[in-house]
């Protein structure tokens, strides 16, 4: 264990699996204290137990980021268990993909409730404490959908575009209070969401191979590679990075034609 994140007390959402869990492990390895939340309480408890066994300073709770009262309660609980939060990583999110005219109102609402309003609920809950302490950092896990469009993925890109806008707005609004707000935009990542996406096709193996061929390097990212970037952005190693977005997609969004 090194100490790049010593003194950081970080709330991480969607931390029971995938990118969120990888970020939690990476932050723990750098000396951070963590408070983890996820809707999958069973899996979260299992992973938290493993981290605690490794000596990580950690608290956790089952919580839905769309529930304002629950998130306020989580922040209070975290303050008791690991100390006042001075960092937030908004990782929780859901895929809602559709052809626009086939989208139901309920799907539209669910997409924005989780991917945008949920992230704002967490920001709103932690910001007063961060400001009171003289500053801190917020990292929103966005997506390359925040600036590129894949047909039939509506309205997910809209929510991620808006999340990037919120990142910039909050970063500017509270820069004078010592708060940095940034975003991280992964492309395709080897998580269960990617597997579920490939399995939605008649030939999952062909779909996976097609995804790989899109990338200049012929592969997609691991969760751990995204986590390494998250550690950097939440650390004090980039003190003048604010209101911006770091893209990690192996060059996919730069490539004009695959």
C-alpha atoms as a PDB file:
ATOM      1  CA  UNK A   1       0.000   0.000   0.000  1.00  0.00           C
ATOM      2  CA  UNK A   2       1.223   3.491  -0.880  1.00  0.00           C
ATOM      3  CA  UNK A   3      -0.186   6.784   0.293  1.00  0.00           C
ATOM      4  CA  UNK A   4      -1.190   8.808  -2.763  1.00  0.00           C
ATOM      5  CA  UNK A   5      -4.684   9.143  -1.266  1.00  0.00           C
ATOM      6  CA  UNK A   6      -3.775   9.417   2.411  1.00  0.00           C
ATOM      7  CA  UNK A   7      -6.286  11.652   4.149  1.00  0.00           C
ATOM      8  CA  UNK A   8      -8.923  11.129   1.479  1.00  0.00           C
ATOM      9  CA  UNK A   9     -12.332  10.039   2.744  1.00  0.00           C
ATOM     10  CA  UNK A  10     -14.219   9.017  -0.365  1.00  0.00           C
ATOM     11  CA  UNK A  11     -17.836   8.123  -1.030  1.00  0.00           C
ATOM     12  CA  UNK A  12     -18.029   5.747  -4.009  1.00  0.00           C
ATOM     13  CA  UNK A  13     -21.372   4.866  -5.564  1.00  0.00           C
ATOM     14  CA  UNK A  14     -22.123   1.674  -7.481  1.00  0.00           C
ATOM     15  CA  UNK A  15     -19.205   0.052  -5.684  1.00  0.00           C
ATOM     16  CA  UNK A  16     -20.280  -3.597  -5.507  1.00  0.00           C
ATOM     17  CA  UNK A  17     -18.930  -4.662  -8.892  1.00  0.00           C
ATOM     18  CA  UNK A  18     -17.335  -3.601 -12.168  1.00  0.00           C
ATOM     19  CA  UNK A  19     -15.693  -0.212 -12.451  1.00  0.00           C
ATOM     20  CA  UNK A  20     -16.948   0.944  -9.045  1.00  0.00           C
ATOM     21  CA  UNK A  21     -15.407  -2.005  -7.226  1.00  0.00           C
ATOM     22  CA  UNK A  22     -12.152  -1.647  -9.158  1.00  0.00           C
ATOM     23  CA  UNK A  23     -12.010   2.028  -8.176  1.00  0.00           C
ATOM     24  CA  UNK A  24     -12.679   1.154  -4.538  1.00  0.00           C
ATOM     25  CA  UNK A  25      -9.829  -1.365  -4.528  1.00  0.00           C
ATOM     26  CA  UNK A  26      -7.451   1.039  -6.243  1.00  0.00           C
ATOM     27  CA  UNK A  27      -8.282   3.883  -3.843  1.00  0.00           C
ATOM     28  CA  UNK A  28      -7.896   1.563  -0.863  1.00  0.00           C
ATOM     29  CA  UNK A  29      -4.462   0.495  -2.089  1.00  0.00           C
ATOM     30  CA  UNK A  30      -3.438   4.154  -2.064  1.00  0.00           C
ATOM     31  CA  UNK A  31      -4.410   4.740   1.557  1.00  0.00           C
ATOM     32  CA  UNK A  32      -7.891   6.240   1.220  1.00  0.00           C
ATOM     33  CA  UNK A  33     -10.724   5.690   3.685  1.00  0.00           C
ATOM     34  CA  UNK A  34     -13.871   4.621   1.864  1.00  0.00           C
ATOM     35  CA  UNK A  35     -17.607   4.628   2.234  1.00  0.00           C
ATOM     36  CA  UNK A  36     -19.211   2.403  -0.380  1.00  0.00           C
ATOM     37  CA  UNK A  37     -22.823   2.282  -1.514  1.00  0.00           C
ATOM     38  CA  UNK A  38     -24.732   0.115  -3.962  1.00  0.00           C
ATOM     39  CA  UNK A  39     -28.259  -1.214  -4.394  1.00  0.00           C
ATOM     40  CA  UNK A  40     -26.958  -4.796  -4.340  1.00  0.00           C
ATOM     41  CA  UNK A  41     -26.530  -5.062  -0.591  1.00  0.00           C
ATOM     42  CA  UNK A  42     -25.500  -8.727  -0.566  1.00  0.00           C
ATOM     43  CA  UNK A  43     -22.680  -8.352  -3.054  1.00  0.00           C
ATOM     44  CA  UNK A  44     -21.606  -5.057  -1.477  1.00  0.00           C
ATOM     45  CA  UNK A  45     -21.333  -6.677   1.958  1.00  0.00           C
ATOM     46  CA  UNK A  46     -19.241  -9.502   0.512  1.00  0.00           C
ATOM     47  CA  UNK A  47     -16.793  -7.150  -1.169  1.00  0.00           C
ATOM     48  CA  UNK A  48     -16.635  -4.821   1.832  1.00  0.00           C
ATOM     49  CA  UNK A  49     -15.778  -7.776   4.065  1.00  0.00           C
ATOM     50  CA  UNK A  50     -12.828  -8.651   1.806  1.00  0.00           C
ATOM     51  CA  UNK A  51     -11.541  -5.079   1.836  1.00  0.00           C
ATOM     52  CA  UNK A  52     -11.864  -4.818   5.603  1.00  0.00           C
ATOM     53  CA  UNK A  53      -9.916  -8.066   5.958  1.00  0.00           C
ATOM     54  CA  UNK A  54      -7.094  -6.333   4.105  1.00  0.00           C
ATOM     55  CA  UNK A  55      -7.098  -3.526   6.656  1.00  0.00           C
ATOM     56  CA  UNK A  56      -8.999  -0.915   4.687  1.00  0.00           C
ATOM     57  CA  UNK A  57     -10.758   1.839   6.652  1.00  0.00           C
ATOM     58  CA  UNK A  58     -14.221   1.363   5.284  1.00  0.00           C
ATOM     59  CA  UNK A  59     -17.942   1.761   5.837  1.00  0.00           C
ATOM     60  CA  UNK A  60     -20.774   0.736   3.543  1.00  0.00           C
ATOM     61  CA  UNK A  61     -24.533   0.905   3.110  1.00  0.00           C
ATOM     62  CA  UNK A  62     -27.192  -0.319   0.739  1.00  0.00           C
ATOM     63  CA  UNK A  63     -28.615   2.801  -0.875  1.00  0.00           C
ATOM     64  CA  UNK A  64     -30.423   4.033  -3.965  1.00  0.00           C
ATOM     65  CA  UNK A  65     -28.887   7.247  -5.331  1.00  0.00           C
ATOM     66  CA  UNK A  66     -32.300   8.395  -6.564  1.00  0.00           C
ATOM     67  CA  UNK A  67     -33.501   8.571  -2.943  1.00  0.00           C
ATOM     68  CA  UNK A  68     -32.492  11.998  -1.604  1.00  0.00           C
ATOM     69  CA  UNK A  69     -33.167  11.132   2.038  1.00  0.00           C
ATOM     70  CA  UNK A  70     -31.181   7.902   1.766  1.00  0.00           C
ATOM     71  CA  UNK A  71     -28.156   9.712   0.343  1.00  0.00           C
ATOM     72  CA  UNK A  72     -28.307  12.372   3.055  1.00  0.00           C
ATOM     73  CA  UNK A  73     -28.387   9.569   5.612  1.00  0.00           C
ATOM     74  CA  UNK A  74     -25.409   7.878   3.947  1.00  0.00           C
ATOM     75  CA  UNK A  75     -23.327  11.053   4.180  1.00  0.00           C
ATOM     76  CA  UNK A  76     -24.159  11.365   7.875  1.00  0.00           C
ATOM     77  CA  UNK A  77     -23.320   7.708   8.470  1.00  0.00           C
ATOM     78  CA  UNK A  78     -20.034   8.066   6.609  1.00  0.00           C
ATOM     79  CA  UNK A  79     -19.029  11.033   8.764  1.00  0.00           C
ATOM     80  CA  UNK A  80     -19.439   8.867  11.853  1.00  0.00           C
ATOM     81  CA  UNK A  81     -17.692   5.789  10.477  1.00  0.00           C
ATOM     82  CA  UNK A  82     -14.746   7.205   8.494  1.00  0.00           C
ATOM     83  CA  UNK A  83     -14.861  10.960   9.141  1.00  0.00           C
ATOM     84  CA  UNK A  84     -16.272  13.877   7.175  1.00  0.00           C
ATOM     85  CA  UNK A  85     -16.170  13.133   3.458  1.00  0.00           C
ATOM     86  CA  UNK A  86     -13.789  15.200   1.346  1.00  0.00           C
ATOM     87  CA  UNK A  87     -14.203  13.355  -1.955  1.00  0.00           C
ATOM     88  CA  UNK A  88     -16.938  11.738  -4.044  1.00  0.00           C
ATOM     89  CA  UNK A  89     -16.791   9.359  -6.989  1.00  0.00           C
ATOM     90  CA  UNK A  90     -20.144   9.192  -8.758  1.00  0.00           C
ATOM     91  CA  UNK A  91     -19.926   5.845 -10.512  1.00  0.00           C
ATOM     92  CA  UNK A  92     -23.443   4.374 -10.264  1.00  0.00           C
ATOM     93  CA  UNK A  93     -25.348   4.337 -13.525  1.00  0.00           C
ATOM     94  CA  UNK A  94     -27.577   2.276 -15.787  1.00  0.00           C
ATOM     95  CA  UNK A  95     -27.807   1.616 -19.510  1.00  0.00           C
ATOM     96  CA  UNK A  96     -31.061   2.700 -21.111  1.00  0.00           C
ATOM     97  CA  UNK A  97     -30.737   2.165 -24.859  1.00  0.00           C
ATOM     98  CA  UNK A  98     -33.559   2.536 -27.384  1.00  0.00           C
ATOM     99  CA  UNK A  99     -34.537   3.841 -30.767  1.00  0.00           C
ATOM    100  CA  UNK A 100     -35.915   7.280 -29.822  1.00  0.00           C
ATOM    101  CA  UNK A 101     -39.524   6.823 -30.930  1.00  0.00           C
ATOM    102  CA  UNK A 102     -39.666   3.386 -29.276  1.00  0.00           C
ATOM    103  CA  UNK A 103     -38.676   4.778 -25.875  1.00  0.00           C
ATOM    104  CA  UNK A 104     -41.317   4.832 -23.145  1.00  0.00           C
ATOM    105  CA  UNK A 105     -41.756   7.752 -20.763  1.00  0.00           C
ATOM    106  CA  UNK A 106     -40.883   5.443 -17.877  1.00  0.00           C
ATOM    107  CA  UNK A 107     -37.558   4.476 -19.480  1.00  0.00           C
ATOM    108  CA  UNK A 108     -36.746   8.133 -20.141  1.00  0.00           C
ATOM    109  CA  UNK A 109     -37.445   9.024 -16.511  1.00  0.00           C
ATOM    110  CA  UNK A 110     -35.448   6.082 -15.162  1.00  0.00           C
ATOM    111  CA  UNK A 111     -32.438   6.993 -17.288  1.00  0.00           C
ATOM    112  CA  UNK A 112     -32.293  10.572 -16.055  1.00  0.00           C
ATOM    113  CA  UNK A 113     -33.243   9.735 -12.459  1.00  0.00           C
ATOM    114  CA  UNK A 114     -30.202   7.483 -12.091  1.00  0.00           C
ATOM    115  CA  UNK A 115     -27.595   8.814 -14.498  1.00  0.00           C
ATOM    116  CA  UNK A 116     -28.100  12.530 -13.858  1.00  0.00           C
ATOM    117  CA  UNK A 117     -30.338  13.287 -10.893  1.00  0.00           C
ATOM    118  CA  UNK A 118     -28.773  10.500  -8.837  1.00  0.00           C
ATOM    119  CA  UNK A 119     -25.315  11.949  -9.401  1.00  0.00           C
ATOM    120  CA  UNK A 120     -26.609  15.398  -8.461  1.00  0.00           C
ATOM    121  CA  UNK A 121     -28.209  14.017  -5.291  1.00  0.00           C
ATOM    122  CA  UNK A 122     -24.783  12.792  -4.193  1.00  0.00           C
ATOM    123  CA  UNK A 123     -23.018  16.017  -5.155  1.00  0.00           C
ATOM    124  CA  UNK A 124     -25.603  18.087  -3.302  1.00  0.00           C
ATOM    125  CA  UNK A 125     -25.238  15.939  -0.188  1.00  0.00           C
ATOM    126  CA  UNK A 126     -21.442  16.047   0.024  1.00  0.00           C
ATOM    127  CA  UNK A 127     -20.647  19.547  -1.267  1.00  0.00           C
ATOM    128  CA  UNK A 128     -21.503  21.502   1.921  1.00  0.00           C
ATOM    129  CA  UNK A 129     -19.139  19.356   3.972  1.00  0.00           C
ATOM    130  CA  UNK A 130     -16.375  19.528   1.381  1.00  0.00           C
ATOM    131  CA  UNK A 131     -16.661  23.300   1.223  1.00  0.00           C
ATOM    132  CA  UNK A 132     -16.676  23.560   5.022  1.00  0.00           C
ATOM    133  CA  UNK A 133     -13.388  21.622   5.136  1.00  0.00           C
ATOM    134  CA  UNK A 134     -11.779  24.030   2.686  1.00  0.00           C
ATOM    135  CA  UNK A 135     -12.014  21.916  -0.434  1.00  0.00           C
ATOM    136  CA  UNK A 136     -11.933  18.479  -1.957  1.00  0.00           C
ATOM    137  CA  UNK A 137     -12.651  16.624  -5.167  1.00  0.00           C
ATOM    138  CA  UNK A 138     -15.610  15.158  -7.030  1.00  0.00           C
ATOM    139  CA  UNK A 139     -15.213  12.757  -9.931  1.00  0.00           C
ATOM    140  CA  UNK A 140     -18.178  11.865 -12.126  1.00  0.00           C
ATOM    141  CA  UNK A 141     -17.849   8.693 -14.181  1.00  0.00           C
ATOM    142  CA  UNK A 142     -19.287   9.775 -17.502  1.00  0.00           C
ATOM    143  CA  UNK A 143     -18.804   7.930 -20.808  1.00  0.00           C
ATOM    144  CA  UNK A 144     -17.688   8.550 -24.357  1.00  0.00           C
ATOM    145  CA  UNK A 145     -21.463   8.745 -24.900  1.00  0.00           C
ATOM    146  CA  UNK A 146     -21.042  12.225 -23.347  1.00  0.00           C
ATOM    147  CA  UNK A 147     -19.638  13.526 -26.656  1.00  0.00           C
ATOM    148  CA  UNK A 148     -20.303  10.840 -29.266  1.00  0.00           C
ATOM    149  CA  UNK A 149     -23.489   9.192 -30.470  1.00  0.00           C
ATOM    150  CA  UNK A 150     -24.199   5.540 -31.214  1.00  0.00           C
ATOM    151  CA  UNK A 151     -27.556   4.989 -32.945  1.00  0.00           C
ATOM    152  CA  UNK A 152     -30.255   3.253 -30.909  1.00  0.00           C
ATOM    153  CA  UNK A 153     -28.685   4.151 -27.539  1.00  0.00           C
ATOM    154  CA  UNK A 154     -31.149   6.971 -26.823  1.00  0.00           C
ATOM    155  CA  UNK A 155     -31.497   8.585 -24.251  1.00  0.00           C
ATOM    156  CA  UNK A 156     -28.317   7.423 -22.472  1.00  0.00           C
ATOM    157  CA  UNK A 157     -26.077   9.866 -24.404  1.00  0.00           C
ATOM    158  CA  UNK A 158     -28.369  12.737 -23.445  1.00  0.00           C
ATOM    159  CA  UNK A 159     -27.954  11.953 -19.764  1.00  0.00           C
ATOM    160  CA  UNK A 160     -24.177  11.628 -20.113  1.00  0.00           C
ATOM    161  CA  UNK A 161     -23.938  14.884 -22.091  1.00  0.00           C
ATOM    162  CA  UNK A 162     -25.857  16.521 -19.242  1.00  0.00           C
ATOM    163  CA  UNK A 163     -23.603  14.899 -16.619  1.00  0.00           C
ATOM    164  CA  UNK A 164     -20.605  16.422 -18.354  1.00  0.00           C
ATOM    165  CA  UNK A 165     -22.378  19.781 -18.335  1.00  0.00           C
ATOM    166  CA  UNK A 166     -23.074  19.445 -14.614  1.00  0.00           C
ATOM    167  CA  UNK A 167     -19.413  18.588 -14.037  1.00  0.00           C
ATOM    168  CA  UNK A 168     -18.282  21.767 -15.760  1.00  0.00           C
ATOM    169  CA  UNK A 169     -20.919  23.916 -14.064  1.00  0.00           C
ATOM    170  CA  UNK A 170     -20.140  22.710 -10.537  1.00  0.00           C
ATOM    171  CA  UNK A 171     -16.407  22.902 -11.195  1.00  0.00           C
ATOM    172  CA  UNK A 172     -16.686  26.567 -12.132  1.00  0.00           C
ATOM    173  CA  UNK A 173     -19.202  27.379  -9.405  1.00  0.00           C
ATOM    174  CA  UNK A 174     -17.105  26.058  -6.522  1.00  0.00           C
ATOM    175  CA  UNK A 175     -13.523  26.457  -7.750  1.00  0.00           C
ATOM    176  CA  UNK A 176     -13.126  29.432  -5.435  1.00  0.00           C
ATOM    177  CA  UNK A 177     -14.073  27.181  -2.518  1.00  0.00           C
ATOM    178  CA  UNK A 178     -11.240  24.763  -3.221  1.00  0.00           C
ATOM    179  CA  UNK A 179     -13.465  22.158  -4.882  1.00  0.00           C
ATOM    180  CA  UNK A 180     -12.395  20.387  -8.076  1.00  0.00           C
ATOM    181  CA  UNK A 181     -15.123  18.672 -10.115  1.00  0.00           C
ATOM    182  CA  UNK A 182     -14.031  16.536 -13.038  1.00  0.00           C
ATOM    183  CA  UNK A 183     -15.282  13.672 -15.165  1.00  0.00           C
ATOM    184  CA  UNK A 184     -13.822  10.469 -16.511  1.00  0.00           C
ATOM    185  CA  UNK A 185     -15.141   9.103 -19.803  1.00  0.00           C
ATOM    186  CA  UNK A 186     -14.524   5.398 -20.361  1.00  0.00           C
ATOM    187  CA  UNK A 187     -15.294   3.766 -23.671  1.00  0.00           C
ATOM    188  CA  UNK A 188     -15.984   0.042 -23.805  1.00  0.00           C
ATOM    189  CA  UNK A 189     -14.896  -1.717 -20.606  1.00  0.00           C
ATOM    190  CA  UNK A 190     -14.770  -5.440 -19.850  1.00  0.00           C
ATOM    191  CA  UNK A 191     -17.618  -5.515 -17.333  1.00  0.00           C
ATOM    192  CA  UNK A 192     -20.877  -7.416 -16.973  1.00  0.00           C
ATOM    193  CA  UNK A 193     -22.640  -4.570 -18.817  1.00  0.00           C
ATOM    194  CA  UNK A 194     -20.516  -5.277 -21.895  1.00  0.00           C
ATOM    195  CA  UNK A 195     -21.239  -8.985 -21.648  1.00  0.00           C
ATOM    196  CA  UNK A 196     -24.966  -8.268 -21.347  1.00  0.00           C
ATOM    197  CA  UNK A 197     -24.726  -6.041 -24.425  1.00  0.00           C
ATOM    198  CA  UNK A 198     -23.020  -8.746 -26.481  1.00  0.00           C
ATOM    199  CA  UNK A 199     -25.531 -11.310 -25.259  1.00  0.00           C
ATOM    200  CA  UNK A 200     -28.351  -9.172 -26.640  1.00  0.00           C
ATOM    201  CA  UNK A 201     -27.237 -10.184 -30.141  1.00  0.00           C
ATOM    202  CA  UNK A 202     -28.035 -13.468 -31.895  1.00  0.00           C
ATOM    203  CA  UNK A 203     -24.291 -14.220 -32.046  1.00  0.00           C
ATOM    204  CA  UNK A 204     -22.646 -12.842 -28.869  1.00  0.00           C
ATOM    205  CA  UNK A 205     -19.160 -13.964 -29.916  1.00  0.00           C
ATOM    206  CA  UNK A 206     -19.430 -12.118 -33.207  1.00  0.00           C
ATOM    207  CA  UNK A 207     -20.721  -9.028 -31.408  1.00  0.00           C
ATOM    208  CA  UNK A 208     -17.764  -9.128 -29.030  1.00  0.00           C
ATOM    209  CA  UNK A 209     -15.314  -9.543 -31.909  1.00  0.00           C
ATOM    210  CA  UNK A 210     -16.904  -6.585 -33.715  1.00  0.00           C
ATOM    211  CA  UNK A 211     -16.477  -4.439 -30.601  1.00  0.00           C
ATOM    212  CA  UNK A 212     -12.798  -5.321 -30.388  1.00  0.00           C
ATOM    213  CA  UNK A 213     -12.267  -4.464 -34.060  1.00  0.00           C
ATOM    214  CA  UNK A 214     -13.598  -0.951 -33.448  1.00  0.00           C
ATOM    215  CA  UNK A 215     -10.581  -0.149 -31.299  1.00  0.00           C
ATOM    216  CA  UNK A 216      -7.177   0.839 -32.698  1.00  0.00           C
ATOM    217  CA  UNK A 217      -5.474  -1.536 -30.251  1.00  0.00           C
ATOM    218  CA  UNK A 218      -7.872  -4.402 -30.886  1.00  0.00           C
ATOM    219  CA  UNK A 219      -9.078  -4.642 -27.294  1.00  0.00           C
ATOM    220  CA  UNK A 220     -11.214  -2.855 -24.717  1.00  0.00           C
ATOM    221  CA  UNK A 221     -10.271  -1.533 -21.273  1.00  0.00           C
ATOM    222  CA  UNK A 222     -10.232  -3.449 -18.032  1.00  0.00           C
ATOM    223  CA  UNK A 223     -11.980  -2.011 -14.988  1.00  0.00           C
ATOM    224  CA  UNK A 224      -8.583  -1.726 -13.336  1.00  0.00           C
ATOM    225  CA  UNK A 225      -7.320   0.575 -16.099  1.00  0.00           C
ATOM    226  CA  UNK A 226     -10.235   2.931 -15.509  1.00  0.00           C
ATOM    227  CA  UNK A 227      -9.565   2.777 -11.763  1.00  0.00           C
ATOM    228  CA  UNK A 228      -5.944   3.883 -12.208  1.00  0.00           C
ATOM    229  CA  UNK A 229      -7.141   7.053 -13.914  1.00  0.00           C
ATOM    230  CA  UNK A 230      -9.750   7.638 -11.211  1.00  0.00           C
ATOM    231  CA  UNK A 231      -7.065   7.487  -8.518  1.00  0.00           C
ATOM    232  CA  UNK A 232      -5.056  10.146 -10.340  1.00  0.00           C
ATOM    233  CA  UNK A 233      -8.034  12.455 -10.805  1.00  0.00           C
ATOM    234  CA  UNK A 234      -9.265  12.211  -7.211  1.00  0.00           C
ATOM    235  CA  UNK A 235      -5.730  12.658  -5.844  1.00  0.00           C
ATOM    236  CA  UNK A 236      -3.824  15.881  -5.244  1.00  0.00           C
ATOM    237  CA  UNK A 237      -1.504  15.114  -8.157  1.00  0.00           C
ATOM    238  CA  UNK A 238      -3.589  17.226 -10.552  1.00  0.00           C
ATOM    239  CA  UNK A 239      -4.488  20.262  -8.397  1.00  0.00           C
ATOM    240  CA  UNK A 240      -5.172  22.534 -11.370  1.00  0.00           C
ATOM    241  CA  UNK A 241      -7.379  20.074 -13.257  1.00  0.00           C
ATOM    242  CA  UNK A 242     -10.948  21.283 -12.887  1.00  0.00           C
ATOM    243  CA  UNK A 243     -14.228  21.290 -14.827  1.00  0.00           C
ATOM    244  CA  UNK A 244     -12.851  18.955 -17.477  1.00  0.00           C
ATOM    245  CA  UNK A 245     -13.089  15.372 -18.704  1.00  0.00           C
ATOM    246  CA  UNK A 246     -10.426  12.723 -19.243  1.00  0.00           C
ATOM    247  CA  UNK A 247     -11.204  10.177 -21.967  1.00  0.00           C
ATOM    248  CA  UNK A 248     -10.075   6.555 -21.669  1.00  0.00           C
ATOM    249  CA  UNK A 249     -11.175   4.609 -24.738  1.00  0.00           C
ATOM    250  CA  UNK A 250      -7.988   3.416 -26.416  1.00  0.00           C
ATOM    251  CA  UNK A 251      -8.395   6.050 -29.123  1.00  0.00           C
ATOM    252  CA  UNK A 252     -11.836   4.876 -30.253  1.00  0.00           C
ATOM    253  CA  UNK A 253     -13.467   8.309 -30.206  1.00  0.00           C
ATOM    254  CA  UNK A 254     -10.593   9.786 -32.240  1.00  0.00           C
ATOM    255  CA  UNK A 255     -10.718   7.140 -34.974  1.00  0.00           C
ATOM    256  CA  UNK A 256     -12.721   8.472 -37.928  1.00  0.00           C
ATOM    257  CA  UNK A 257     -13.474   5.040 -39.424  1.00  0.00           C
ATOM    258  CA  UNK A 258     -12.857   1.624 -37.866  1.00  0.00           C
END
